[in-house]
Amino acid sequence: MMPNLGEGLRSARKIAGMSLQELADRMQSPVSKQALSKYEQGKMQPDSPALLSLCSALGVRPDYFFRESSQMCSIEFRKQPRLPEMERERIEAKALDMLERYRELVS
């Protein structure tokens, strides 16, 4: 699958457990919540300073956003999950990230 900055950005943000607004607030260079949403949707691309600020706020290297992503089948939780949606998404994104890293190591 083709690397996609938007997918990588969404994944890193979910792993960090941040909303778009929280990410915008933590960035060093001013980027609005709306711009971040457009980055994730692939409608806009960040310039270099914004990309470096994203990396700093999310604690990832720039290549994180451009690596190939894999599709995982759905993750199911035992019985009825009592986790807030953002926490559930964080766990799912972290599991997918760990799977992708494993695949990179064995490839």
PDB file of N, CA and C in Angstrom:
ATOM      1  N   MET A   1       0.843  -1.189   0.000  1.00  0.00           N
ATOM      2  CA  MET A   1       0.000   0.000   0.000  1.00  0.00           C
ATOM      3  C   MET A   1       0.883   1.245   0.000  1.00  0.00           C
ATOM      4  N   MET A   2       0.483   2.266  -0.690  1.00  0.00           N
ATOM      5  CA  MET A   2       1.239   3.509  -0.837  1.00  0.00           C
ATOM      6  C   MET A   2       1.286   4.283   0.493  1.00  0.00           C
ATOM      7  N   PRO A   3       2.454   4.785   0.869  1.00  0.00           N
ATOM      8  CA  PRO A   3       2.543   5.589   2.086  1.00  0.00           C
ATOM      9  C   PRO A   3       1.663   6.834   1.975  1.00  0.00           C
ATOM     10  N   ASN A   4       1.055   7.215   3.082  1.00  0.00           N
ATOM     11  CA  ASN A   4       0.144   8.345   3.095  1.00  0.00           C
ATOM     12  C   ASN A   4       0.396   9.159   4.354  1.00  0.00           C
ATOM     13  N   LEU A   5       0.798  10.407   4.193  1.00  0.00           N
ATOM     14  CA  LEU A   5       1.077  11.270   5.327  1.00  0.00           C
ATOM     15  C   LEU A   5      -0.143  11.383   6.234  1.00  0.00           C
ATOM     16  N   GLY A   6      -1.314  11.501   5.671  1.00  0.00           N
ATOM     17  CA  GLY A   6      -2.529  11.650   6.470  1.00  0.00           C
ATOM     18  C   GLY A   6      -2.787  10.474   7.386  1.00  0.00           C
ATOM     19  N   GLU A   7      -2.594   9.262   6.864  1.00  0.00           N
ATOM     20  CA  GLU A   7      -2.788   8.066   7.684  1.00  0.00           C
ATOM     21  C   GLU A   7      -1.764   8.003   8.805  1.00  0.00           C
ATOM     22  N   GLY A   8      -0.506   8.329   8.476  1.00  0.00           N
ATOM     23  CA  GLY A   8       0.539   8.334   9.491  1.00  0.00           C
ATOM     24  C   GLY A   8       0.290   9.379  10.564  1.00  0.00           C
ATOM     25  N   LEU A   9      -0.175  10.545  10.147  1.00  0.00           N
ATOM     26  CA  LEU A   9      -0.471  11.610  11.092  1.00  0.00           C
ATOM     27  C   LEU A   9      -1.613  11.203  12.021  1.00  0.00           C
ATOM     28  N   ARG A  10      -2.675  10.660  11.447  1.00  0.00           N
ATOM     29  CA  ARG A  10      -3.824  10.225  12.253  1.00  0.00           C
ATOM     30  C   ARG A  10      -3.396   9.144  13.243  1.00  0.00           C
ATOM     31  N   SER A  11      -2.586   8.197  12.773  1.00  0.00           N
ATOM     32  CA  SER A  11      -2.110   7.117  13.631  1.00  0.00           C
ATOM     33  C   SER A  11      -1.270   7.660  14.789  1.00  0.00           C
ATOM     34  N   ALA A  12      -0.307   8.526  14.491  1.00  0.00           N
ATOM     35  CA  ALA A  12       0.557   9.087  15.536  1.00  0.00           C
ATOM     36  C   ALA A  12      -0.254   9.905  16.535  1.00  0.00           C
ATOM     37  N   ARG A  13      -1.240  10.643  16.047  1.00  0.00           N
ATOM     38  CA  ARG A  13      -2.074  11.455  16.936  1.00  0.00           C
ATOM     39  C   ARG A  13      -2.902  10.560  17.857  1.00  0.00           C
ATOM     40  N   LYS A  14      -3.458   9.489  17.308  1.00  0.00           N
ATOM     41  CA  LYS A  14      -4.258   8.585  18.129  1.00  0.00           C
ATOM     42  C   LYS A  14      -3.401   7.850  19.143  1.00  0.00           C
ATOM     43  N   ILE A  15      -2.199   7.437  18.736  1.00  0.00           N
ATOM     44  CA  ILE A  15      -1.296   6.776  19.686  1.00  0.00           C
ATOM     45  C   ILE A  15      -0.962   7.711  20.834  1.00  0.00           C
ATOM     46  N   ALA A  16      -0.795   8.992  20.527  1.00  0.00           N
ATOM     47  CA  ALA A  16      -0.501   9.989  21.564  1.00  0.00           C
ATOM     48  C   ALA A  16      -1.740  10.326  22.389  1.00  0.00           C
ATOM     49  N   GLY A  17      -2.917   9.885  21.939  1.00  0.00           N
ATOM     50  CA  GLY A  17      -4.156  10.140  22.677  1.00  0.00           C
ATOM     51  C   GLY A  17      -4.594  11.589  22.612  1.00  0.00           C
ATOM     52  N   MET A  18      -4.297  12.251  21.493  1.00  0.00           N
ATOM     53  CA  MET A  18      -4.624  13.675  21.349  1.00  0.00           C
ATOM     54  C   MET A  18      -5.763  13.892  20.363  1.00  0.00           C
ATOM     55  N   SER A  19      -6.533  14.913  20.642  1.00  0.00           N
ATOM     56  CA  SER A  19      -7.519  15.379  19.670  1.00  0.00           C
ATOM     57  C   SER A  19      -6.799  16.323  18.710  1.00  0.00           C
ATOM     58  N   LEU A  20      -7.463  16.698  17.637  1.00  0.00           N
ATOM     59  CA  LEU A  20      -6.864  17.661  16.706  1.00  0.00           C
ATOM     60  C   LEU A  20      -6.551  18.976  17.416  1.00  0.00           C
ATOM     61  N   GLN A  21      -7.445  19.418  18.284  1.00  0.00           N
ATOM     62  CA  GLN A  21      -7.228  20.681  19.002  1.00  0.00           C
ATOM     63  C   GLN A  21      -6.037  20.583  19.942  1.00  0.00           C
ATOM     64  N   GLU A  22      -5.908  19.463  20.645  1.00  0.00           N
ATOM     65  CA  GLU A  22      -4.772  19.292  21.549  1.00  0.00           C
ATOM     66  C   GLU A  22      -3.456  19.292  20.781  1.00  0.00           C
ATOM     67  N   LEU A  23      -3.455  18.651  19.629  1.00  0.00           N
ATOM     68  CA  LEU A  23      -2.247  18.649  18.808  1.00  0.00           C
ATOM     69  C   LEU A  23      -1.918  20.060  18.330  1.00  0.00           C
ATOM     70  N   ALA A  24      -2.920  20.784  17.867  1.00  0.00           N
ATOM     71  CA  ALA A  24      -2.699  22.167  17.415  1.00  0.00           C
ATOM     72  C   ALA A  24      -2.122  23.016  18.551  1.00  0.00           C
ATOM     73  N   ASP A  25      -2.616  22.807  19.765  1.00  0.00           N
ATOM     74  CA  ASP A  25      -2.142  23.582  20.920  1.00  0.00           C
ATOM     75  C   ASP A  25      -0.697  23.246  21.286  1.00  0.00           C
ATOM     76  N   ARG A  26      -0.261  22.016  21.041  1.00  0.00           N
ATOM     77  CA  ARG A  26       1.091  21.586  21.421  1.00  0.00           C
ATOM     78  C   ARG A  26       2.155  21.896  20.378  1.00  0.00           C
ATOM     79  N   MET A  27       1.737  22.252  19.186  1.00  0.00           N
ATOM     80  CA  MET A  27       2.712  22.504  18.130  1.00  0.00           C
ATOM     81  C   MET A  27       3.414  23.839  18.331  1.00  0.00           C
ATOM     82  N   GLN A  28       4.705  23.871  17.979  1.00  0.00           N
ATOM     83  CA  GLN A  28       5.493  25.086  18.131  1.00  0.00           C
ATOM     84  C   GLN A  28       5.141  26.113  17.066  1.00  0.00           C
ATOM     85  N   SER A  29       4.954  25.661  15.829  1.00  0.00           N
ATOM     86  CA  SER A  29       4.548  26.609  14.788  1.00  0.00           C
ATOM     87  C   SER A  29       3.024  26.607  14.741  1.00  0.00           C
ATOM     88  N   PRO A  30       2.428  27.764  14.577  1.00  0.00           N
ATOM     89  CA  PRO A  30       0.959  27.830  14.624  1.00  0.00           C
ATOM     90  C   PRO A  30       0.299  27.136  13.423  1.00  0.00           C
ATOM     91  N   VAL A  31      -0.413  26.066  13.708  1.00  0.00           N
ATOM     92  CA  VAL A  31      -1.188  25.340  12.705  1.00  0.00           C
ATOM     93  C   VAL A  31      -2.567  25.127  13.311  1.00  0.00           C
ATOM     94  N   SER A  32      -3.593  25.463  12.567  1.00  0.00           N
ATOM     95  CA  SER A  32      -4.949  25.363  13.105  1.00  0.00           C
ATOM     96  C   SER A  32      -5.449  23.918  13.104  1.00  0.00           C
ATOM     97  N   LYS A  33      -6.467  23.697  13.906  1.00  0.00           N
ATOM     98  CA  LYS A  33      -7.139  22.404  13.962  1.00  0.00           C
ATOM     99  C   LYS A  33      -7.676  22.037  12.575  1.00  0.00           C
ATOM    100  N   GLN A  34      -8.185  23.020  11.855  1.00  0.00           N
ATOM    101  CA  GLN A  34      -8.738  22.784  10.524  1.00  0.00           C
ATOM    102  C   GLN A  34      -7.641  22.346   9.546  1.00  0.00           C
ATOM    103  N   ALA A  35      -6.464  22.973   9.635  1.00  0.00           N
ATOM    104  CA  ALA A  35      -5.348  22.583   8.769  1.00  0.00           C
ATOM    105  C   ALA A  35      -4.911  21.158   9.082  1.00  0.00           C
ATOM    106  N   LEU A  36      -4.848  20.810  10.372  1.00  0.00           N
ATOM    107  CA  LEU A  36      -4.474  19.455  10.750  1.00  0.00           C
ATOM    108  C   LEU A  36      -5.469  18.439  10.193  1.00  0.00           C
ATOM    109  N   SER A  37      -6.734  18.781  10.235  1.00  0.00           N
ATOM    110  CA  SER A  37      -7.771  17.909   9.684  1.00  0.00           C
ATOM    111  C   SER A  37      -7.556  17.709   8.182  1.00  0.00           C
ATOM    112  N   LYS A  38      -7.213  18.784   7.483  1.00  0.00           N
ATOM    113  CA  LYS A  38      -6.959  18.687   6.040  1.00  0.00           C
ATOM    114  C   LYS A  38      -5.712  17.853   5.756  1.00  0.00           C
ATOM    115  N   TYR A  39      -4.692  17.934   6.619  1.00  0.00           N
ATOM    116  CA  TYR A  39      -3.508  17.093   6.458  1.00  0.00           C
ATOM    117  C   TYR A  39      -3.915  15.623   6.563  1.00  0.00           C
ATOM    118  N   GLU A  40      -4.720  15.305   7.582  1.00  0.00           N
ATOM    119  CA  GLU A  40      -5.137  13.921   7.790  1.00  0.00           C
ATOM    120  C   GLU A  40      -5.994  13.403   6.637  1.00  0.00           C
ATOM    121  N   GLN A  41      -6.784  14.271   6.045  1.00  0.00           N
ATOM    122  CA  GLN A  41      -7.656  13.864   4.941  1.00  0.00           C
ATOM    123  C   GLN A  41      -6.919  13.838   3.602  1.00  0.00           C
ATOM    124  N   GLY A  42      -5.696  14.330   3.577  1.00  0.00           N
ATOM    125  CA  GLY A  42      -4.918  14.354   2.344  1.00  0.00           C
ATOM    126  C   GLY A  42      -5.270  15.520   1.432  1.00  0.00           C
ATOM    127  N   LYS A  43      -5.989  16.511   1.957  1.00  0.00           N
ATOM    128  CA  LYS A  43      -6.384  17.673   1.158  1.00  0.00           C
ATOM    129  C   LYS A  43      -5.293  18.734   1.106  1.00  0.00           C
ATOM    130  N   MET A  44      -4.375  18.693   2.077  1.00  0.00           N
ATOM    131  CA  MET A  44      -3.257  19.639   2.149  1.00  0.00           C
ATOM    132  C   MET A  44      -2.027  18.886   2.631  1.00  0.00           C
ATOM    133  N   GLN A  45      -0.863  19.442   2.328  1.00  0.00           N
ATOM    134  CA  GLN A  45       0.400  18.895   2.817  1.00  0.00           C
ATOM    135  C   GLN A  45       1.077  19.955   3.683  1.00  0.00           C
ATOM    136  N   PRO A  46       1.631  19.555   4.832  1.00  0.00           N
ATOM    137  CA  PRO A  46       2.320  20.540   5.675  1.00  0.00           C
ATOM    138  C   PRO A  46       3.634  20.972   5.045  1.00  0.00           C
ATOM    139  N   ASP A  47       4.028  22.224   5.301  1.00  0.00           N
ATOM    140  CA  ASP A  47       5.352  22.660   4.859  1.00  0.00           C
ATOM    141  C   ASP A  47       6.386  22.085   5.841  1.00  0.00           C
ATOM    142  N   SER A  48       7.649  22.284   5.561  1.00  0.00           N
ATOM    143  CA  SER A  48       8.714  21.692   6.382  1.00  0.00           C
ATOM    144  C   SER A  48       8.657  22.107   7.850  1.00  0.00           C
ATOM    145  N   PRO A  49       8.492  23.407   8.165  1.00  0.00           N
ATOM    146  CA  PRO A  49       8.421  23.775   9.581  1.00  0.00           C
ATOM    147  C   PRO A  49       7.228  23.125  10.292  1.00  0.00           C
ATOM    148  N   ALA A  50       6.093  23.039   9.617  1.00  0.00           N
ATOM    149  CA  ALA A  50       4.914  22.413  10.229  1.00  0.00           C
ATOM    150  C   ALA A  50       5.154  20.916  10.433  1.00  0.00           C
ATOM    151  N   LEU A  51       5.804  20.272   9.481  1.00  0.00           N
ATOM    152  CA  LEU A  51       6.096  18.844   9.603  1.00  0.00           C
ATOM    153  C   LEU A  51       7.027  18.592  10.788  1.00  0.00           C
ATOM    154  N   LEU A  52       8.048  19.422  10.935  1.00  0.00           N
ATOM    155  CA  LEU A  52       8.973  19.263  12.065  1.00  0.00           C
ATOM    156  C   LEU A  52       8.273  19.534  13.390  1.00  0.00           C
ATOM    157  N   SER A  53       7.361  20.487  13.397  1.00  0.00           N
ATOM    158  CA  SER A  53       6.589  20.780  14.603  1.00  0.00           C
ATOM    159  C   SER A  53       5.665  19.612  14.953  1.00  0.00           C
ATOM    160  N   LEU A  54       5.079  18.985  13.926  1.00  0.00           N
ATOM    161  CA  LEU A  54       4.252  17.794  14.152  1.00  0.00           C
ATOM    162  C   LEU A  54       5.085  16.679  14.784  1.00  0.00           C
ATOM    163  N   CYS A  55       6.270  16.471  14.243  1.00  0.00           N
ATOM    164  CA  CYS A  55       7.157  15.438  14.773  1.00  0.00           C
ATOM    165  C   CYS A  55       7.484  15.689  16.242  1.00  0.00           C
ATOM    166  N   SER A  56       7.792  16.932  16.555  1.00  0.00           N
ATOM    167  CA  SER A  56       8.130  17.291  17.928  1.00  0.00           C
ATOM    168  C   SER A  56       6.940  17.088  18.862  1.00  0.00           C
ATOM    169  N   ALA A  57       5.763  17.527  18.453  1.00  0.00           N
ATOM    170  CA  ALA A  57       4.568  17.418  19.295  1.00  0.00           C
ATOM    171  C   ALA A  57       4.136  15.968  19.493  1.00  0.00           C
ATOM    172  N   LEU A  58       4.364  15.122  18.488  1.00  0.00           N
ATOM    173  CA  LEU A  58       3.919  13.733  18.558  1.00  0.00           C
ATOM    174  C   LEU A  58       5.015  12.758  18.978  1.00  0.00           C
ATOM    175  N   GLY A  59       6.252  13.246  19.032  1.00  0.00           N
ATOM    176  CA  GLY A  59       7.354  12.391  19.451  1.00  0.00           C
ATOM    177  C   GLY A  59       7.719  11.320  18.441  1.00  0.00           C
ATOM    178  N   VAL A  60       7.631  11.671  17.146  1.00  0.00           N
ATOM    179  CA  VAL A  60       7.987  10.720  16.086  1.00  0.00           C
ATOM    180  C   VAL A  60       8.999  11.362  15.148  1.00  0.00           C
ATOM    181  N   ARG A  61       9.658  10.525  14.344  1.00  0.00           N
ATOM    182  CA  ARG A  61      10.578  11.037  13.329  1.00  0.00           C
ATOM    183  C   ARG A  61       9.787  11.306  12.052  1.00  0.00           C
ATOM    184  N   PRO A  62      10.290  12.166  11.173  1.00  0.00           N
ATOM    185  CA  PRO A  62       9.557  12.485   9.933  1.00  0.00           C
ATOM    186  C   PRO A  62       9.227  11.268   9.070  1.00  0.00           C
ATOM    187  N   ASP A  63      10.109  10.272   9.052  1.00  0.00           N
ATOM    188  CA  ASP A  63       9.832   9.101   8.216  1.00  0.00           C
ATOM    189  C   ASP A  63       8.630   8.298   8.696  1.00  0.00           C
ATOM    190  N   TYR A  64       8.206   8.509   9.944  1.00  0.00           N
ATOM    191  CA  TYR A  64       7.021   7.819  10.458  1.00  0.00           C
ATOM    192  C   TYR A  64       5.799   8.095   9.586  1.00  0.00           C
ATOM    193  N   PHE A  65       5.688   9.317   9.108  1.00  0.00           N
ATOM    194  CA  PHE A  65       4.510   9.712   8.327  1.00  0.00           C
ATOM    195  C   PHE A  65       4.505   9.137   6.912  1.00  0.00           C
ATOM    196  N   PHE A  66       5.629   8.637   6.460  1.00  0.00           N
ATOM    197  CA  PHE A  66       5.732   8.197   5.077  1.00  0.00           C
ATOM    198  C   PHE A  66       5.970   6.701   4.905  1.00  0.00           C
ATOM    199  N   ARG A  67       5.908   5.955   5.990  1.00  0.00           N
ATOM    200  CA  ARG A  67       6.103   4.514   5.842  1.00  0.00           C
ATOM    201  C   ARG A  67       4.807   3.858   5.384  1.00  0.00           C
ATOM    202  N   GLU A  68       4.962   2.676   4.807  1.00  0.00           N
ATOM    203  CA  GLU A  68       3.797   1.965   4.307  1.00  0.00           C
ATOM    204  C   GLU A  68       2.931   1.515   5.478  1.00  0.00           C
ATOM    205  N   SER A  69       1.632   1.592   5.282  1.00  0.00           N
ATOM    206  CA  SER A  69       0.721   1.141   6.328  1.00  0.00           C
ATOM    207  C   SER A  69       0.016  -0.114   5.862  1.00  0.00           C
ATOM    208  N   SER A  70      -0.336  -0.932   6.819  1.00  0.00           N
ATOM    209  CA  SER A  70      -1.059  -2.156   6.500  1.00  0.00           C
ATOM    210  C   SER A  70      -2.459  -2.056   7.065  1.00  0.00           C
ATOM    211  N   GLN A  71      -3.348  -2.784   6.465  1.00  0.00           N
ATOM    212  CA  GLN A  71      -4.717  -2.806   6.958  1.00  0.00           C
ATOM    213  C   GLN A  71      -4.877  -4.017   7.855  1.00  0.00           C
ATOM    214  N   MET A  72      -5.433  -3.790   8.999  1.00  0.00           N
ATOM    215  CA  MET A  72      -5.681  -4.858   9.947  1.00  0.00           C
ATOM    216  C   MET A  72      -7.165  -5.129   9.979  1.00  0.00           C
ATOM    217  N   CYS A  73      -7.519  -6.369  10.208  1.00  0.00           N
ATOM    218  CA  CYS A  73      -8.946  -6.633  10.373  1.00  0.00           C
ATOM    219  C   CYS A  73      -9.378  -5.995  11.695  1.00  0.00           C
ATOM    220  N   SER A  74     -10.641  -5.988  11.945  1.00  0.00           N
ATOM    221  CA  SER A  74     -11.145  -5.273  13.115  1.00  0.00           C
ATOM    222  C   SER A  74     -10.633  -5.883  14.415  1.00  0.00           C
ATOM    223  N   ILE A  75     -10.430  -5.036  15.378  1.00  0.00           N
ATOM    224  CA  ILE A  75     -10.015  -5.461  16.709  1.00  0.00           C
ATOM    225  C   ILE A  75     -11.274  -5.540  17.550  1.00  0.00           C
ATOM    226  N   GLU A  76     -11.405  -6.639  18.238  1.00  0.00           N
ATOM    227  CA  GLU A  76     -12.577  -6.803  19.084  1.00  0.00           C
ATOM    228  C   GLU A  76     -12.143  -6.863  20.534  1.00  0.00           C
ATOM    229  N   PHE A  77     -12.911  -6.237  21.387  1.00  0.00           N
ATOM    230  CA  PHE A  77     -12.654  -6.232  22.813  1.00  0.00           C
ATOM    231  C   PHE A  77     -13.594  -7.226  23.490  1.00  0.00           C
ATOM    232  N   ARG A  78     -13.229  -7.705  24.640  1.00  0.00           N
ATOM    233  CA  ARG A  78     -14.097  -8.623  25.377  1.00  0.00           C
ATOM    234  C   ARG A  78     -15.412  -7.953  25.719  1.00  0.00           C
ATOM    235  N   LYS A  79     -16.472  -8.700  25.551  1.00  0.00           N
ATOM    236  CA  LYS A  79     -17.822  -8.253  25.875  1.00  0.00           C
ATOM    237  C   LYS A  79     -18.041  -6.816  25.430  1.00  0.00           C
ATOM    238  N   GLN A  80     -18.600  -6.003  26.275  1.00  0.00           N
ATOM    239  CA  GLN A  80     -18.858  -4.611  25.916  1.00  0.00           C
ATOM    240  C   GLN A  80     -17.722  -3.741  26.437  1.00  0.00           C
ATOM    241  N   PRO A  81     -17.050  -3.059  25.539  1.00  0.00           N
ATOM    242  CA  PRO A  81     -15.931  -2.219  26.010  1.00  0.00           C
ATOM    243  C   PRO A  81     -16.438  -1.049  26.846  1.00  0.00           C
ATOM    244  N   ARG A  82     -15.756  -0.819  27.922  1.00  0.00           N
ATOM    245  CA  ARG A  82     -16.122   0.300  28.789  1.00  0.00           C
ATOM    246  C   ARG A  82     -15.102   1.423  28.682  1.00  0.00           C
ATOM    247  N   LEU A  83     -14.328   1.359  27.623  1.00  0.00           N
ATOM    248  CA  LEU A  83     -13.323   2.386  27.395  1.00  0.00           C
ATOM    249  C   LEU A  83     -13.932   3.559  26.642  1.00  0.00           C
ATOM    250  N   PRO A  84     -13.469   4.761  26.939  1.00  0.00           N
ATOM    251  CA  PRO A  84     -13.888   5.901  26.122  1.00  0.00           C
ATOM    252  C   PRO A  84     -13.399   5.684  24.687  1.00  0.00           C
ATOM    253  N   GLU A  85     -14.083   6.247  23.727  1.00  0.00           N
ATOM    254  CA  GLU A  85     -13.754   6.043  22.318  1.00  0.00           C
ATOM    255  C   GLU A  85     -12.321   6.446  22.000  1.00  0.00           C
ATOM    256  N   MET A  86     -11.857   7.561  22.542  1.00  0.00           N
ATOM    257  CA  MET A  86     -10.500   8.016  22.243  1.00  0.00           C
ATOM    258  C   MET A  86      -9.468   7.007  22.756  1.00  0.00           C
ATOM    259  N   GLU A  87      -9.710   6.416  23.922  1.00  0.00           N
ATOM    260  CA  GLU A  87      -8.783   5.422  24.469  1.00  0.00           C
ATOM    261  C   GLU A  87      -8.809   4.146  23.629  1.00  0.00           C
ATOM    262  N   ARG A  88      -9.978   3.734  23.178  1.00  0.00           N
ATOM    263  CA  ARG A  88     -10.097   2.561  22.321  1.00  0.00           C
ATOM    264  C   ARG A  88      -9.340   2.789  21.013  1.00  0.00           C
ATOM    265  N   GLU A  89      -9.491   3.981  20.421  1.00  0.00           N
ATOM    266  CA  GLU A  89      -8.777   4.308  19.189  1.00  0.00           C
ATOM    267  C   GLU A  89      -7.274   4.346  19.412  1.00  0.00           C
ATOM    268  N   ARG A  90      -6.841   4.822  20.585  1.00  0.00           N
ATOM    269  CA  ARG A  90      -5.415   4.865  20.911  1.00  0.00           C
ATOM    270  C   ARG A  90      -4.846   3.454  20.968  1.00  0.00           C
ATOM    271  N   ILE A  91      -5.572   2.540  21.594  1.00  0.00           N
ATOM    272  CA  ILE A  91      -5.119   1.149  21.705  1.00  0.00           C
ATOM    273  C   ILE A  91      -5.058   0.494  20.329  1.00  0.00           C
ATOM    274  N   GLU A  92      -6.071   0.717  19.502  1.00  0.00           N
ATOM    275  CA  GLU A  92      -6.091   0.149  18.158  1.00  0.00           C
ATOM    276  C   GLU A  92      -4.934   0.686  17.316  1.00  0.00           C
ATOM    277  N   ALA A  93      -4.684   1.994  17.392  1.00  0.00           N
ATOM    278  CA  ALA A  93      -3.594   2.602  16.620  1.00  0.00           C
ATOM    279  C   ALA A  93      -2.243   2.077  17.092  1.00  0.00           C
ATOM    280  N   LYS A  94      -2.072   1.910  18.396  1.00  0.00           N
ATOM    281  CA  LYS A  94      -0.819   1.390  18.942  1.00  0.00           C
ATOM    282  C   LYS A  94      -0.596  -0.047  18.488  1.00  0.00           C
ATOM    283  N   ALA A  95      -1.660  -0.868  18.484  1.00  0.00           N
ATOM    284  CA  ALA A  95      -1.540  -2.260  18.031  1.00  0.00           C
ATOM    285  C   ALA A  95      -1.141  -2.308  16.559  1.00  0.00           C
ATOM    286  N   LEU A  96      -1.741  -1.469  15.740  1.00  0.00           N
ATOM    287  CA  LEU A  96      -1.410  -1.424  14.317  1.00  0.00           C
ATOM    288  C   LEU A  96       0.031  -0.968  14.114  1.00  0.00           C
ATOM    289  N   ASP A  97       0.463   0.026  14.886  1.00  0.00           N
ATOM    290  CA  ASP A  97       1.843   0.510  14.798  1.00  0.00           C
ATOM    291  C   ASP A  97       2.820  -0.603  15.147  1.00  0.00           C
ATOM    292  N   MET A  98       2.537  -1.353  16.191  1.00  0.00           N
ATOM    293  CA  MET A  98       3.421  -2.448  16.594  1.00  0.00           C
ATOM    294  C   MET A  98       3.460  -3.537  15.520  1.00  0.00           C
ATOM    295  N   LEU A  99       2.318  -3.823  14.897  1.00  0.00           N
ATOM    296  CA  LEU A  99       2.265  -4.804  13.818  1.00  0.00           C
ATOM    297  C   LEU A  99       3.099  -4.340  12.624  1.00  0.00           C
ATOM    298  N   GLU A 100       2.985  -3.067  12.262  1.00  0.00           N
ATOM    299  CA  GLU A 100       3.757  -2.535  11.142  1.00  0.00           C
ATOM    300  C   GLU A 100       5.254  -2.587  11.423  1.00  0.00           C
ATOM    301  N   ARG A 101       5.636  -2.264  12.643  1.00  0.00           N
ATOM    302  CA  ARG A 101       7.059  -2.332  12.999  1.00  0.00           C
ATOM    303  C   ARG A 101       7.572  -3.763  12.922  1.00  0.00           C
ATOM    304  N   TYR A 102       6.771  -4.705  13.380  1.00  0.00           N
ATOM    305  CA  TYR A 102       7.144  -6.112  13.303  1.00  0.00           C
ATOM    306  C   TYR A 102       7.324  -6.543  11.850  1.00  0.00           C
ATOM    307  N   ARG A 103       6.372  -6.151  11.003  1.00  0.00           N
ATOM    308  CA  ARG A 103       6.454  -6.502   9.581  1.00  0.00           C
ATOM    309  C   ARG A 103       7.709  -5.932   8.940  1.00  0.00           C
ATOM    310  N   GLU A 104       8.106  -4.711   9.335  1.00  0.00           N
ATOM    311  CA  GLU A 104       9.325  -4.113   8.799  1.00  0.00           C
ATOM    312  C   GLU A 104      10.546  -4.917   9.203  1.00  0.00           C
ATOM    313  N   LEU A 105      10.541  -5.435  10.420  1.00  0.00           N
ATOM    314  CA  LEU A 105      11.694  -6.201  10.917  1.00  0.00           C
ATOM    315  C   LEU A 105      11.834  -7.545  10.211  1.00  0.00           C
ATOM    316  N   VAL A 106      10.719  -8.212   9.938  1.00  0.00           N
ATOM    317  CA  VAL A 106      10.799  -9.540   9.334  1.00  0.00           C
ATOM    318  C   VAL A 106      10.886  -9.488   7.818  1.00  0.00           C
ATOM    319  N   SER A 107      10.642  -8.335   7.229  1.00  0.00           N
ATOM    320  CA  SER A 107      10.716  -8.226   5.763  1.00  0.00           C
ATOM    321  C   SER A 107      12.136  -8.091   5.283  1.00  0.00           C
TER     322      SER A 107
END
